[in-house]
Amino acid sequence: MERLLRRRDFLSAAKGRFVPKAGVLLQGRDRGDDKPPRVGFTCTKKLGNAVTRNRIRRRLKEAARASLPGVARAGFDYVLIGREASETRAFDALKNDIISAVSKLHAERPPGPGADDTRTRQ
C-alpha cells in the first residue's frame, strides 16, 4: 500500500465520497486505474498541539496498516482524518471503524438521496 503525500492528491480525495465514524473520518475516491491503493493521514489543528496530532496520526497509521489490506481496493485513494476520539478510542474499535468505513464507502449506493450515511461532496 502506497502513501498519499502530495496536496493535490489529498484535495482530489476530498472531492470524493466520505464516511464519518466515531474514531475517524474516511475520504475516498476511485482513481480509475489498477495500481495499488494509496492512503493519506491528516489531523486538523483543532485537535490540539503537534504532539497530540502526531500521536493521533501514528495511531491511525498503525490501525490502517493492520486493517486496510483486507478491505482496500486497487485504484482507490483513501484519506483518514483523525478525530478527537481517535486519541483515546480503543485500538480494536479504531480498526473496526476503519474497516466499516471502507466497507460503506465501497457498498453499492441505494437509490434516492439520504439512503445511507456515505456522502458525496459537491
Protein backbone atom coordinates (compact mmCIF):
# COMPACT_ATOMS: atom_id res chain seq x y z
CA MET A 1 0.00 0.00 0.00
CA GLU A 2 1.39 3.38 -1.02
CA ARG A 3 1.17 6.72 0.79
CA LEU A 4 -0.51 9.90 -0.39
CA LEU A 5 1.99 12.71 0.01
CA ARG A 6 1.02 15.48 -2.43
CA ARG A 7 -1.51 18.16 -1.57
CA ARG A 8 -3.31 17.72 -4.89
CA ASP A 9 -3.92 14.04 -4.10
CA PHE A 10 -5.46 14.96 -0.75
CA LEU A 11 -7.64 17.59 -2.45
CA SER A 12 -8.77 15.08 -5.08
CA ALA A 13 -9.75 12.59 -2.39
CA ALA A 14 -11.68 15.33 -0.60
CA LYS A 15 -13.88 15.71 -3.68
CA GLY A 16 -14.91 12.05 -3.50
CA ARG A 17 -17.16 10.25 -1.07
CA PHE A 18 -16.72 10.33 2.68
CA VAL A 19 -17.86 8.22 5.61
CA PRO A 20 -17.89 9.56 9.18
CA LYS A 21 -17.22 7.18 12.06
CA ALA A 22 -16.64 7.78 15.77
CA GLY A 23 -12.87 7.40 15.59
CA VAL A 24 -12.09 8.52 12.05
CA LEU A 25 -13.44 10.32 9.01
CA LEU A 26 -12.66 8.46 5.78
CA GLN A 27 -12.48 10.16 2.40
CA GLY A 28 -12.08 8.07 -0.72
CA ARG A 29 -12.12 8.27 -4.48
CA ASP A 30 -11.66 5.92 -7.38
CA ARG A 31 -8.63 6.89 -9.47
CA GLY A 32 -9.76 4.69 -12.33
CA ASP A 33 -6.60 2.58 -12.63
CA ASP A 34 -5.36 -0.77 -11.34
CA LYS A 35 -2.44 0.49 -9.29
CA PRO A 36 -2.22 -0.33 -5.56
CA PRO A 37 -4.39 1.66 -3.15
CA ARG A 38 -2.88 4.80 -1.65
CA VAL A 39 -3.51 6.08 1.87
CA GLY A 40 -3.03 9.52 3.42
CA PHE A 41 -3.36 10.66 7.02
CA THR A 42 -4.19 14.08 8.40
CA CYS A 43 -5.38 15.87 11.53
CA THR A 44 -6.67 19.41 11.98
CA LYS A 45 -5.19 21.88 14.42
CA LYS A 46 -8.47 21.82 16.32
CA LEU A 47 -7.36 18.53 17.86
CA GLY A 48 -4.50 20.06 19.81
CA ASN A 49 -0.82 20.77 19.61
CA ALA A 50 1.68 18.99 17.38
CA VAL A 51 2.36 16.26 19.94
CA THR A 52 -1.34 15.36 20.15
CA ARG A 53 -1.84 15.47 16.37
CA ASN A 54 1.22 13.28 15.76
CA ARG A 55 0.02 10.76 18.36
CA ILE A 56 -3.36 10.56 16.61
CA ARG A 57 -1.69 10.23 13.20
CA ARG A 58 0.59 7.43 14.45
CA ARG A 59 -2.41 5.54 15.85
CA LEU A 60 -4.27 5.93 12.54
CA LYS A 61 -1.24 4.72 10.58
CA GLU A 62 -0.90 1.59 12.69
CA ALA A 63 -4.65 0.87 12.63
CA ALA A 64 -4.70 1.31 8.84
CA ARG A 65 -1.66 -0.93 8.41
CA ALA A 66 -3.42 -3.65 10.39
CA SER A 67 -6.89 -3.34 8.87
CA LEU A 68 -6.76 -1.96 5.31
CA PRO A 69 -5.04 -4.81 3.42
CA GLY A 70 -8.17 -6.94 3.64
CA VAL A 71 -10.67 -4.28 2.54
CA ALA A 72 -8.84 -1.67 0.44
CA ARG A 73 -9.31 -1.87 -3.32
CA ALA A 74 -6.79 -1.28 -6.06
CA GLY A 75 -7.19 2.03 -7.84
CA PHE A 76 -8.53 3.90 -4.80
CA ASP A 77 -7.16 6.77 -2.74
CA TYR A 78 -8.11 6.89 0.94
CA VAL A 79 -7.59 9.75 3.38
CA LEU A 80 -8.03 9.05 7.08
CA ILE A 81 -8.77 12.18 9.07
CA GLY A 82 -8.21 12.00 12.80
CA ARG A 83 -10.98 12.98 15.17
CA GLU A 84 -10.95 13.90 18.83
CA ALA A 85 -11.92 10.33 19.78
CA SER A 86 -9.03 8.89 17.75
CA GLU A 87 -6.60 9.58 20.56
CA THR A 88 -8.43 7.72 23.33
CA ARG A 89 -10.55 5.19 21.43
CA ALA A 90 -9.67 1.54 21.99
CA PHE A 91 -7.33 0.33 19.26
CA ASP A 92 -9.60 -2.54 18.20
CA ALA A 93 -12.53 -0.13 17.96
CA LEU A 94 -10.40 2.20 15.81
CA LYS A 95 -9.53 -0.68 13.47
CA ASN A 96 -13.21 -1.65 13.27
CA ASP A 97 -14.11 1.98 12.46
CA ILE A 98 -11.68 1.92 9.53
CA ILE A 99 -12.91 -1.44 8.24
CA SER A 100 -16.59 -0.47 8.43
CA ALA A 101 -15.92 2.96 6.85
CA VAL A 102 -14.11 1.40 3.88
CA SER A 103 -16.86 -1.21 3.53
CA LYS A 104 -19.53 1.50 3.48
CA LEU A 105 -17.52 3.54 1.01
CA HIS A 106 -17.46 0.59 -1.39
CA ALA A 107 -21.05 -0.51 -0.77
CA GLU A 108 -23.50 -0.08 -3.59
CA ARG A 109 -25.42 3.14 -3.28
CA PRO A 110 -29.13 2.60 -2.67
CA PRO A 111 -31.49 4.69 -4.83
CA GLY A 112 -32.63 8.04 -3.52
CA PRO A 113 -30.95 10.80 -1.55
CA GLY A 114 -30.05 10.26 2.10
CA ALA A 115 -30.48 6.50 1.92
CA ASP A 116 -27.13 5.88 3.62
CA ASP A 117 -24.58 7.81 5.64
CA THR A 118 -21.99 7.84 2.84
CA ARG A 119 -21.92 11.30 1.37
CA THR A 120 -20.51 12.97 -1.70
CA ARG A 121 -19.09 16.47 -1.65
CA GLN A 122 -20.22 18.83 -4.34
